[in-house]
Amino acid sequence: LATFGGKTTKDSDDEKSEFSYAIGQTPLALLCTVSISFDHCLFFVYKTGFSVFNEKESIRKDERFVHFPNKEGVRITCAALSPNGDDLALGYKDGTINVFTSILSLSSTYILDKENGDVSQKLIHPREKVLKRKMHWHSLPVKTLCYMGVPGSRAAPSLLSGAEEAVLVTWNTERGLNRPTHTLPRIAKGCLTHISSYDSSSSMGDTGSMDIIVRSMDNTLQLI
């Protein structure tokens, strides 16, 4: 059960409005909520799938969600949103990674078409049109994902992944290859739990310089 709250104006007085929406029959284990500004949409990622929610008040409440249940039967373990604000990467318990290309724009268009389109016209769900790239290197569950790129840049961002192997893996999602472009092994004595990247070009004076911070289960932080 997902609950959303906000404010509505009625007779010049502000009052809180709240509505709930049942996403599934079982309680959700919410992995992350990714808030973005693209067309007022939000990502909700949980172990058995993910949903896109449009927070525009002009759209009917029962039309704001697009659901993507995980039909592969493998639990989702982590997620990351691309700097382009449109692609979503998901890591799984079996060590695989799926990248859903342009999933946000497809979902946003689908929501708006349901709201404004002709009821006699058959709409195609975004899961039937999305391009999904599958990658596999990890033999253990993927614990963390992070894109390395500058928001708004046209350059293809790299995707970083980590798991219990303590190997930092770099992927080029634009090539469509099922093998990483680079691996950095044995960077810690435990599982990689968090990866973060940021643009250091403004502080260092370089162009396109990216720094990576990795946190491990052994309670260490490394700047790469």
Protein backbone atom coordinates (compact mmCIF):
# COMPACT_ATOMS: atom_id res chain seq x y z
CA LEU A 1 0.00 0.00 0.00
CA ALA A 2 1.53 3.30 -1.11
CA THR A 3 0.24 6.49 0.51
CA PHE A 4 0.78 9.95 -0.96
CA GLY A 5 0.00 13.26 0.70
CA GLY A 6 -0.24 16.83 -0.46
CA LYS A 7 -2.19 20.06 -0.12
CA THR A 8 -5.30 21.16 -1.91
CA THR A 9 -6.93 24.57 -1.80
CA LYS A 10 -10.61 24.76 -0.93
CA ASP A 11 -12.47 27.96 -0.07
CA SER A 12 -9.11 29.74 0.36
CA ASP A 13 -8.14 27.38 3.21
CA ASP A 14 -5.25 24.94 2.90
CA GLU A 15 -6.10 21.42 3.86
CA LYS A 16 -4.14 18.21 3.50
CA SER A 17 -5.29 15.63 0.99
CA GLU A 18 -4.09 12.07 1.00
CA PHE A 19 -4.79 8.99 -1.06
CA SER A 20 -3.60 5.41 -0.99
CA TYR A 21 -2.99 3.00 -3.80
CA ALA A 22 -2.58 -0.78 -3.57
CA ILE A 23 0.37 -1.77 -5.75
CA GLY A 24 0.32 -5.46 -4.85
CA GLN A 25 -1.30 -8.05 -2.65
CA THR A 26 1.70 -8.39 -0.34
CA PRO A 27 3.59 -5.73 1.69
CA LEU A 28 6.24 -3.91 -0.31
CA ALA A 29 9.92 -3.96 0.58
CA LEU A 30 10.75 -0.55 -0.87
CA LEU A 31 14.35 -0.43 -2.05
CA CYS A 32 14.44 3.21 -3.12
CA THR A 33 12.37 6.18 -4.19
CA VAL A 34 13.93 8.19 -6.99
CA SER A 35 12.50 11.69 -7.27
CA ILE A 36 13.07 13.46 -10.55
CA SER A 37 11.71 16.54 -12.28
CA PHE A 38 11.11 15.04 -15.73
CA ASP A 39 7.41 15.61 -16.35
CA HIS A 40 6.66 15.40 -12.60
CA CYS A 41 7.38 11.67 -12.35
CA LEU A 42 8.77 9.48 -9.56
CA PHE A 43 10.29 5.99 -9.57
CA PHE A 44 9.42 3.47 -6.85
CA VAL A 45 11.60 0.36 -6.85
CA TYR A 46 10.79 -2.68 -4.72
CA LYS A 47 11.96 -6.29 -4.65
CA THR A 48 9.27 -7.59 -6.98
CA GLY A 49 9.19 -4.79 -9.56
CA PHE A 50 9.00 -1.02 -9.95
CA SER A 51 6.41 1.66 -10.62
CA VAL A 52 6.35 5.10 -12.21
CA PHE A 53 4.11 7.70 -10.58
CA ASN A 54 3.05 11.01 -12.13
CA GLU A 55 2.32 13.60 -9.45
CA LYS A 56 0.45 16.07 -11.65
CA GLU A 57 -2.81 16.94 -9.91
CA SER A 58 -4.55 17.35 -13.26
CA ILE A 59 -4.34 13.58 -13.82
CA ARG A 60 -6.86 11.32 -12.12
CA LYS A 61 -5.46 9.50 -9.11
CA ASP A 62 -6.20 6.06 -10.51
CA GLU A 63 -4.33 6.91 -13.74
CA ARG A 64 -1.08 8.18 -12.22
CA PHE A 65 0.67 4.81 -11.83
CA VAL A 66 2.39 2.55 -14.35
CA HIS A 67 3.47 -0.79 -12.89
CA PHE A 68 6.29 -3.05 -14.04
CA PRO A 69 6.13 -6.33 -12.11
CA ASN A 70 9.25 -8.45 -12.22
CA LYS A 71 8.28 -11.38 -14.43
CA GLU A 72 11.71 -13.02 -14.30
CA GLY A 73 11.09 -14.33 -10.78
CA VAL A 74 14.41 -12.99 -9.45
CA ARG A 75 14.45 -10.46 -6.62
CA ILE A 76 15.59 -6.91 -7.36
CA THR A 77 18.39 -5.87 -5.01
CA CYS A 78 19.34 -2.31 -6.08
CA ALA A 79 18.60 0.43 -8.60
CA ALA A 80 20.15 3.51 -10.20
CA LEU A 81 18.79 6.30 -12.40
CA SER A 82 20.84 7.45 -15.39
CA PRO A 83 22.05 11.08 -15.56
CA ASN A 84 19.81 11.49 -18.61
CA GLY A 85 16.84 11.12 -16.24
CA ASP A 86 15.20 8.53 -18.48
CA ASP A 87 17.00 5.17 -18.13
CA LEU A 88 16.71 2.89 -15.10
CA ALA A 89 19.25 0.21 -14.12
CA LEU A 90 18.23 -2.64 -11.83
CA GLY A 91 20.47 -5.19 -10.09
CA TYR A 92 19.22 -8.66 -9.23
CA LYS A 93 19.85 -11.44 -6.73
CA ASP A 94 21.29 -13.74 -9.40
CA GLY A 95 24.01 -11.20 -10.32
CA THR A 96 22.38 -9.88 -13.49
CA ILE A 97 21.75 -6.23 -14.38
CA ASN A 98 18.95 -4.91 -16.59
CA VAL A 99 18.92 -1.41 -18.07
CA PHE A 100 15.51 -0.13 -19.18
CA THR A 101 16.10 2.49 -21.87
CA SER A 102 13.84 5.58 -22.02
CA ILE A 103 11.48 3.94 -19.52
CA LEU A 104 10.45 7.24 -17.94
CA SER A 105 9.47 9.04 -21.14
CA LEU A 106 7.58 5.95 -22.33
CA SER A 107 5.71 5.75 -19.02
CA SER A 108 4.94 9.48 -18.94
CA THR A 109 3.55 9.36 -22.48
CA TYR A 110 1.46 6.31 -21.59
CA ILE A 111 -0.03 8.04 -18.53
CA LEU A 112 -0.92 11.15 -20.50
CA ASP A 113 -2.39 9.09 -23.34
CA LYS A 114 -4.61 7.23 -20.88
CA GLU A 115 -5.80 10.52 -19.45
CA ASN A 116 -6.39 12.36 -22.71
CA GLY A 117 -6.64 9.67 -25.36
CA ASP A 118 -9.59 8.07 -27.07
CA VAL A 119 -11.01 5.19 -25.01
CA SER A 120 -11.61 3.24 -28.22
CA GLN A 121 -7.90 3.35 -29.05
CA LYS A 122 -5.86 0.48 -27.67
CA LEU A 123 -2.85 1.67 -25.71
CA ILE A 124 0.37 -0.35 -25.61
CA HIS A 125 1.92 -0.70 -22.15
CA PRO A 126 5.50 0.65 -21.93
CA ARG A 127 6.83 -2.78 -20.89
CA GLU A 128 5.92 -3.99 -24.40
CA LYS A 129 7.93 -1.20 -26.07
CA VAL A 130 10.91 -0.60 -23.80
CA LEU A 131 14.39 -1.66 -24.88
CA LYS A 132 15.95 -3.77 -22.12
CA ARG A 133 19.69 -4.45 -22.04
CA LYS A 134 20.81 -7.39 -19.92
CA MET A 135 24.34 -7.68 -18.52
CA HIS A 136 25.90 -10.37 -16.36
CA TRP A 137 29.29 -10.61 -14.68
CA HIS A 138 28.63 -10.94 -10.94
CA SER A 139 28.17 -14.45 -9.57
CA LEU A 140 26.60 -13.10 -6.37
CA PRO A 141 23.72 -10.66 -5.79
CA VAL A 142 24.36 -7.13 -7.06
CA LYS A 143 24.43 -4.88 -3.99
CA THR A 144 24.93 -1.43 -5.44
CA LEU A 145 24.66 0.44 -8.75
CA CYS A 146 25.75 3.94 -9.70
CA TYR A 147 25.89 5.87 -12.96
CA MET A 148 29.00 7.92 -13.67
CA GLY A 149 28.15 10.91 -15.82
CA VAL A 150 27.19 14.56 -15.83
CA PRO A 151 23.43 15.30 -15.77
CA GLY A 152 22.30 16.74 -19.08
CA SER A 153 25.40 15.59 -20.96
CA ARG A 154 24.99 13.88 -24.34
CA ALA A 155 27.93 11.59 -23.62
CA ALA A 156 26.96 8.02 -22.79
CA PRO A 157 27.34 7.48 -19.02
CA SER A 158 29.16 4.51 -17.55
CA LEU A 159 27.43 2.23 -15.08
CA LEU A 160 29.26 1.02 -11.97
CA SER A 161 28.27 -2.10 -10.05
CA GLY A 162 29.47 -3.87 -6.91
CA ALA A 163 28.73 -7.06 -5.01
CA GLU A 164 30.22 -9.49 -2.51
CA GLU A 165 33.17 -10.23 -4.81
CA ALA A 166 34.64 -6.85 -3.77
CA VAL A 167 35.20 -5.98 -7.43
CA LEU A 168 34.24 -2.61 -8.89
CA VAL A 169 32.78 -3.33 -12.35
CA THR A 170 32.35 -0.69 -15.09
CA TRP A 171 29.84 -1.10 -17.91
CA ASN A 172 29.19 0.81 -21.13
CA THR A 173 25.43 0.42 -21.56
CA GLU A 174 25.40 2.01 -25.03
CA ARG A 175 27.48 -0.76 -26.60
CA GLY A 176 24.99 -3.48 -25.75
CA LEU A 177 27.76 -5.86 -24.72
CA ASN A 178 27.33 -8.54 -22.08
CA ARG A 179 30.77 -7.96 -20.64
CA PRO A 180 32.24 -5.10 -18.58
CA THR A 181 34.64 -2.54 -20.00
CA HIS A 182 36.77 -2.58 -16.84
CA THR A 183 37.08 -4.43 -13.52
CA LEU A 184 38.95 -3.30 -10.42
CA PRO A 185 39.41 -6.36 -8.18
CA ARG A 186 40.04 -6.78 -4.46
CA ILE A 187 39.45 -3.17 -3.49
CA ALA A 188 38.10 -4.21 -0.07
CA LYS A 189 37.92 -7.12 2.36
CA GLY A 190 34.15 -7.25 2.25
CA CYS A 191 31.12 -6.72 0.07
CA LEU A 192 30.76 -3.41 -1.77
CA THR A 193 27.64 -1.83 -0.30
CA HIS A 194 27.51 1.69 -1.78
CA ILE A 195 29.00 3.44 -4.81
CA SER A 196 28.75 7.16 -5.44
CA SER A 197 30.22 9.39 -8.14
CA TYR A 198 30.40 13.14 -8.57
CA ASP A 199 31.80 15.65 -11.03
CA SER A 200 34.99 17.15 -9.60
CA SER A 201 35.82 19.26 -12.66
CA SER A 202 34.51 22.46 -11.03
CA SER A 203 36.80 22.11 -8.04
CA MET A 204 39.83 20.66 -9.84
CA GLY A 205 39.66 22.78 -12.98
CA ASP A 206 39.55 19.72 -15.26
CA THR A 207 36.98 18.91 -17.89
CA GLY A 208 34.85 15.82 -17.38
CA SER A 209 36.72 14.69 -14.26
CA MET A 210 34.70 12.20 -12.17
CA ASP A 211 35.53 10.88 -8.72
CA ILE A 212 34.17 7.63 -7.29
CA ILE A 213 33.58 6.83 -3.62
CA VAL A 214 33.11 3.21 -2.59
CA ARG A 215 31.89 1.98 0.79
CA SER A 216 32.50 -1.64 1.79
CA MET A 217 31.18 -4.05 4.39
CA ASP A 218 34.51 -3.77 6.26
CA ASN A 219 33.49 -0.17 7.09
CA THR A 220 36.02 1.46 4.74
CA LEU A 221 35.58 4.35 2.33
CA GLN A 222 37.76 4.61 -0.75
CA LEU A 223 38.19 7.48 -3.19
CA ILE A 224 38.98 6.16 -6.66
